[in-house]
C-alpha atoms as a PDB file:
ATOM      1  CA  MET A   1      12.133 -13.189  -3.864  1.00  0.00           C
ATOM      2  CA  ARG A   2      10.210 -11.684  -6.774  1.00  0.00           C
ATOM      3  CA  LEU A   3       6.951 -12.502  -4.973  1.00  0.00           C
ATOM      4  CA  LEU A   4       8.104 -10.481  -1.980  1.00  0.00           C
ATOM      5  CA  ASN A   5       8.941  -7.500  -4.207  1.00  0.00           C
ATOM      6  CA  TYR A   6       5.554  -7.911  -5.890  1.00  0.00           C
ATOM      7  CA  LEU A   7       3.719  -7.726  -2.563  1.00  0.00           C
ATOM      8  CA  TYR A   8       6.063  -5.569  -0.486  1.00  0.00           C
ATOM      9  CA  TRP A   9       7.021  -2.975  -3.084  1.00  0.00           C
ATOM     10  CA  SER A  10       8.142   0.365  -1.774  1.00  0.00           C
ATOM     11  CA  GLN A  11       8.987   3.622  -3.511  1.00  0.00           C
ATOM     12  CA  PRO A  12      10.849   6.390  -1.685  1.00  0.00           C
ATOM     13  CA  GLY A  13       9.546   9.931  -1.533  1.00  0.00           C
ATOM     14  CA  GLU A  14      11.407  12.999  -0.294  1.00  0.00           C
ATOM     15  CA  TYR A  15      10.169  16.581  -0.374  1.00  0.00           C
ATOM     16  CA  THR A  16      12.062  19.690   0.717  1.00  0.00           C
ATOM     17  CA  SER A  17      10.023  22.467   2.240  1.00  0.00           C
ATOM     18  CA  ASN A  18      10.531  26.169   1.695  1.00  0.00           C
ATOM     19  CA  TYR A  19       8.867  26.806   5.060  1.00  0.00           C
ATOM     20  CA  PRO A  20       9.802  26.320   8.712  1.00  0.00           C
ATOM     21  CA  LEU A  21       8.500  23.143  10.358  1.00  0.00           C
ATOM     22  CA  PRO A  22       5.298  24.530  11.961  1.00  0.00           C
ATOM     23  CA  ASP A  23       4.317  26.253   8.710  1.00  0.00           C
ATOM     24  CA  ALA A  24       5.114  23.169   6.600  1.00  0.00           C
ATOM     25  CA  VAL A  25       2.954  20.984   8.863  1.00  0.00           C
ATOM     26  CA  SER A  26       0.045  23.441   8.880  1.00  0.00           C
ATOM     27  CA  ARG A  27       0.202  23.970   5.093  1.00  0.00           C
ATOM     28  CA  LEU A  28       0.130  20.225   4.463  1.00  0.00           C
ATOM     29  CA  LYS A  29      -2.667  19.775   7.026  1.00  0.00           C
ATOM     30  CA  GLY A  30      -4.625  22.447   5.190  1.00  0.00           C
ATOM     31  CA  LEU A  31      -4.615  20.406   1.977  1.00  0.00           C
ATOM     32  CA  VAL A  32      -5.224  17.009   3.576  1.00  0.00           C
ATOM     33  CA  HIS A  33      -8.656  15.891   4.698  1.00  0.00           C
ATOM     34  CA  SER A  34      -8.847  14.132   8.016  1.00  0.00           C
ATOM     35  CA  GLY A  35     -11.734  12.728   9.942  1.00  0.00           C
ATOM     36  CA  PHE A  36     -14.098   9.817   9.975  1.00  0.00           C
ATOM     37  CA  ILE A  37     -15.672  10.459   6.576  1.00  0.00           C
ATOM     38  CA  PRO A  38     -12.979  10.899   3.906  1.00  0.00           C
ATOM     39  CA  ARG A  39     -13.605  13.371   1.115  1.00  0.00           C
ATOM     40  CA  ALA A  40     -12.281  13.422  -2.431  1.00  0.00           C
ATOM     41  CA  GLY A  41      -8.614  14.313  -2.634  1.00  0.00           C
ATOM     42  CA  VAL A  42      -5.852  13.381  -0.245  1.00  0.00           C
ATOM     43  CA  SER A  43      -6.794  12.170   3.214  1.00  0.00           C
ATOM     44  CA  GLY A  44      -4.756  11.053   6.169  1.00  0.00           C
ATOM     45  CA  ARG A  45      -2.912  12.282   9.220  1.00  0.00           C
ATOM     46  CA  VAL A  46      -0.273  14.983   9.386  1.00  0.00           C
ATOM     47  CA  SER A  47       1.881  15.791  12.398  1.00  0.00           C
ATOM     48  CA  GLU A  48       5.515  16.731  12.941  1.00  0.00           C
ATOM     49  CA  ARG A  49       6.338  13.121  13.853  1.00  0.00           C
ATOM     50  CA  LYS A  50       4.257  11.147  11.370  1.00  0.00           C
ATOM     51  CA  VAL A  51       2.605  11.735   8.031  1.00  0.00           C
ATOM     52  CA  GLN A  52       0.283   9.169   6.471  1.00  0.00           C
ATOM     53  CA  LEU A  53      -1.469  10.125   3.230  1.00  0.00           C
ATOM     54  CA  TYR A  54      -3.648   8.322   0.709  1.00  0.00           C
ATOM     55  CA  ARG A  55      -5.882   9.346  -2.175  1.00  0.00           C
ATOM     56  CA  VAL A  56      -9.661   9.153  -1.874  1.00  0.00           C
ATOM     57  CA  ILE A  57     -11.853   8.840  -4.948  1.00  0.00           C
ATOM     58  CA  PRO A  58     -15.598   9.077  -4.192  1.00  0.00           C
ATOM     59  CA  LEU A  59     -17.574   5.851  -4.601  1.00  0.00           C
ATOM     60  CA  TRP A  60     -14.373   3.904  -5.261  1.00  0.00           C
ATOM     61  CA  ALA A  61     -12.467   1.745  -2.793  1.00  0.00           C
ATOM     62  CA  ASN A  62      -9.104   0.164  -3.468  1.00  0.00           C
ATOM     63  CA  SER A  63      -7.318  -1.487  -0.561  1.00  0.00           C
ATOM     64  CA  PHE A  64      -4.217  -1.906  -2.716  1.00  0.00           C
ATOM     65  CA  ALA A  65      -3.827   1.831  -3.373  1.00  0.00           C
ATOM     66  CA  PRO A  66      -0.491   3.337  -2.318  1.00  0.00           C
ATOM     67  CA  VAL A  67      -0.125   5.055   1.029  1.00  0.00           C
ATOM     68  CA  PHE A  68       2.607   7.597   1.757  1.00  0.00           C
ATOM     69  CA  VAL A  69       4.154   7.165   5.209  1.00  0.00           C
ATOM     70  CA  GLY A  70       6.843   9.575   6.336  1.00  0.00           C
ATOM     71  CA  LYS A  71       8.002  12.174   8.814  1.00  0.00           C
ATOM     72  CA  PHE A  72       9.391  15.670   8.867  1.00  0.00           C
ATOM     73  CA  GLU A  73      13.132  16.000   9.527  1.00  0.00           C
ATOM     74  CA  SER A  74      15.642  18.804   9.605  1.00  0.00           C
ATOM     75  CA  VAL A  75      18.456  18.139   7.125  1.00  0.00           C
ATOM     76  CA  ASN A  76      21.224  20.721   6.698  1.00  0.00           C
ATOM     77  CA  GLY A  77      18.972  23.461   8.018  1.00  0.00           C
ATOM     78  CA  LYS A  78      16.117  22.584   5.651  1.00  0.00           C
ATOM     79  CA  ILE A  79      12.829  20.894   6.535  1.00  0.00           C
ATOM     80  CA  VAL A  80      12.422  17.650   4.598  1.00  0.00           C
ATOM     81  CA  LEU A  81       9.439  15.318   4.481  1.00  0.00           C
ATOM     82  CA  SER A  82      10.897  11.892   3.813  1.00  0.00           C
ATOM     83  CA  GLY A  83       9.146   8.561   3.622  1.00  0.00           C
ATOM     84  CA  PHE A  84       7.932   5.939   1.204  1.00  0.00           C
ATOM     85  CA  TYR A  85       4.919   4.839  -0.821  1.00  0.00           C
ATOM     86  CA  SER A  86       3.621   1.305  -0.446  1.00  0.00           C
ATOM     87  CA  ILE A  87       0.386  -0.570   0.105  1.00  0.00           C
ATOM     88  CA  HIS A  88      -1.061  -0.407   3.595  1.00  0.00           C
ATOM     89  CA  PHE A  89       0.509  -2.610   6.264  1.00  0.00           C
ATOM     90  CA  ALA A  90      -2.818  -4.339   7.028  1.00  0.00           C
ATOM     91  CA  VAL A  91      -3.205  -5.324   3.365  1.00  0.00           C
ATOM     92  CA  LYS A  92       0.339  -6.718   3.299  1.00  0.00           C
ATOM     93  CA  THR A  93      -0.414  -8.708   6.442  1.00  0.00           C
ATOM     94  CA  PHE A  94      -3.687 -10.065   5.047  1.00  0.00           C
ATOM     95  CA  MET A  95      -2.107 -11.063   1.746  1.00  0.00           C
ATOM     96  CA  THR A  96       0.843 -12.711   3.508  1.00  0.00           C
ATOM     97  CA  ILE A  97      -1.600 -14.834   5.497  1.00  0.00           C
ATOM     98  CA  TRP A  98      -3.567 -15.537   2.303  1.00  0.00           C
ATOM     99  CA  PHE A  99      -0.481 -16.770   0.458  1.00  0.00           C
ATOM    100  CA  ALA A 100       0.738 -18.819   3.434  1.00  0.00           C
ATOM    101  CA  ILE A 101      -2.614 -20.571   3.807  1.00  0.00           C
ATOM    102  CA  THR A 102      -2.899 -21.321   0.086  1.00  0.00           C
ATOM    103  CA  LEU A 103       0.641 -22.707  -0.041  1.00  0.00           C
ATOM    104  CA  PHE A 104       0.009 -24.808   3.054  1.00  0.00           C
ATOM    105  CA  GLY A 105      -3.234 -26.034   1.484  1.00  0.00           C
ATOM    106  CA  ALA A 106      -1.376 -26.961  -1.690  1.00  0.00           C
ATOM    107  CA  LEU A 107       1.167 -28.947   0.316  1.00  0.00           C
ATOM    108  CA  VAL A 108      -1.577 -30.762   2.234  1.00  0.00           C
ATOM    109  CA  VAL A 109      -3.484 -31.635  -0.937  1.00  0.00           C
ATOM    110  CA  LEU A 110      -0.291 -32.832  -2.639  1.00  0.00           C
ATOM    111  CA  ALA A 111       0.640 -34.931   0.399  1.00  0.00           C
ATOM    112  CA  CYS A 112      -2.847 -36.441   0.513  1.00  0.00           C
ATOM    113  CA  LEU A 113      -2.645 -37.213  -3.185  1.00  0.00           C
ATOM    114  CA  ALA A 114       0.821 -38.790  -2.801  1.00  0.00           C
ATOM    115  CA  THR A 115      -0.260 -40.977   0.151  1.00  0.00           C
ATOM    116  CA  GLY A 116      -3.479 -42.094  -1.493  1.00  0.00           C
ATOM    117  CA  ILE A 117      -5.851 -40.267   0.865  1.00  0.00           C
ATOM    118  CA  ILE A 118      -7.185 -38.447  -2.186  1.00  0.00           C
ATOM    119  CA  PRO A 119      -7.849 -40.914  -5.016  1.00  0.00           C
ATOM    120  CA  PRO A 120      -6.148 -40.146  -8.352  1.00  0.00           C
ATOM    121  CA  GLU A 121      -9.499 -39.477 -10.021  1.00  0.00           C
ATOM    122  CA  ASN A 122      -9.938 -36.487  -7.657  1.00  0.00           C
ATOM    123  CA  ALA A 123      -6.520 -35.023  -8.474  1.00  0.00           C
ATOM    124  CA  ILE A 124      -8.237 -31.948  -9.907  1.00  0.00           C
ATOM    125  CA  PHE A 125      -8.606 -30.671  -6.325  1.00  0.00           C
ATOM    126  CA  VAL A 126      -4.873 -29.983  -6.327  1.00  0.00           C
ATOM    127  CA  LEU A 127      -5.614 -26.981  -8.537  1.00  0.00           C
ATOM    128  CA  ILE A 128      -7.832 -25.235  -5.961  1.00  0.00           C
ATOM    129  CA  PRO A 129      -5.050 -23.884  -3.681  1.00  0.00           C
ATOM    130  CA  PHE A 130      -2.936 -22.912  -6.686  1.00  0.00           C
ATOM    131  CA  GLY A 131      -5.948 -21.120  -8.158  1.00  0.00           C
ATOM    132  CA  MET A 132      -6.466 -19.244  -4.894  1.00  0.00           C
ATOM    133  CA  PHE A 133      -2.775 -18.284  -4.877  1.00  0.00           C
ATOM    134  CA  ALA A 134      -3.040 -17.009  -8.464  1.00  0.00           C
ATOM    135  CA  PHE A 135      -6.227 -15.105  -7.568  1.00  0.00           C
ATOM    136  CA  GLY A 136      -4.294 -13.295  -4.811  1.00  0.00           C
ATOM    137  CA  LEU A 137      -1.590 -12.289  -7.294  1.00  0.00           C
ATOM    138  CA  VAL A 138      -4.195 -11.033  -9.779  1.00  0.00           C
ATOM    139  CA  LEU A 139      -5.946  -9.098  -7.008  1.00  0.00           C
ATOM    140  CA  ILE A 140      -2.723  -7.272  -6.133  1.00  0.00           C
ATOM    141  CA  LYS A 141      -1.954  -6.501  -9.772  1.00  0.00           C
ATOM    142  CA  MET A 142      -5.458  -5.196 -10.481  1.00  0.00           C
ATOM    143  CA  GLY A 143      -5.280  -2.973  -7.403  1.00  0.00           C
ATOM    144  CA  GLN A 144      -1.985  -1.551  -8.634  1.00  0.00           C
ATOM    145  CA  LEU A 145      -3.404  -0.935 -12.106  1.00  0.00           C
ATOM    146  CA  PHE A 146      -6.482   0.846 -10.737  1.00  0.00           C
ATOM    147  CA  SER A 147      -4.326   3.135  -8.588  1.00  0.00           C
ATOM    148  CA  ARG A 148      -1.488   3.879 -10.967  1.00  0.00           C
ATOM    149  CA  GLY A 149      -2.003   7.663 -10.828  1.00  0.00           C
ATOM    150  CA  ASP A 150      -2.297   7.920  -7.051  1.00  0.00           C
ATOM    151  CA  ILE A 151       1.397   8.413  -6.240  1.00  0.00           C
ATOM    152  CA  GLU A 152       1.662  11.319  -8.668  1.00  0.00           C
ATOM    153  CA  TYR A 153      -1.536  12.842  -7.260  1.00  0.00           C
ATOM    154  CA  ILE A 154      -0.220  12.661  -3.683  1.00  0.00           C
ATOM    155  CA  ARG A 155       3.165  14.034  -4.835  1.00  0.00           C
ATOM    156  CA  ASN A 156       1.452  17.045  -6.374  1.00  0.00           C
ATOM    157  CA  VAL A 157      -0.477  17.806  -3.178  1.00  0.00           C
ATOM    158  CA  ILE A 158       2.675  17.527  -1.049  1.00  0.00           C
ATOM    159  CA  GLY A 159       4.608  19.668  -3.534  1.00  0.00           C
ATOM    160  CA  LYS A 160       1.897  22.316  -3.546  1.00  0.00           C
ATOM    161  CA  ALA A 161       1.935  22.477   0.247  1.00  0.00           C
ATOM    162  CA  LEU A 162       5.701  22.464   0.812  1.00  0.00           C
ATOM    163  CA  GLU A 163       7.323  24.036  -2.232  1.00  0.00           C
ATOM    164  CA  ASP A 164       5.070  26.990  -3.171  1.00  0.00           C
ATOM    165  CA  ARG A 165       6.464  30.341  -2.200  1.00  0.00           C
END
């Protein structure tokens, strides 16, 4: 279960706007870069139904950086942008497949070792799938370390757009 929390972490984010919905959307759109070539700052898509934001740092790519996914809602007469921060769905999918393949490989190698298909003097090969599994864990952790300020950066941009008045 801890592995799932490690890979599928999620942090909620909720922001109340001082503006009506069309103004809140346009103010946030004004601070968010969109398009094929991302620029430094916060990039993504903003609409009334879906908001997807991530931080762009020039000449730096981090697939494990947090992405904010949310939507605008009306709560008690106030406009609220609610959602969550997590790593991108495609990265979660890739890493899930990575871990499944490495675990399956470990089981196959162990079964081959137990049945004698792999001779005992080649038992070192058992470490390869476990090493690949550990590499995946390290990759996730390094991505999180390199992007540790991104959530706060995105929060500040959203706050500037929705709460200034």
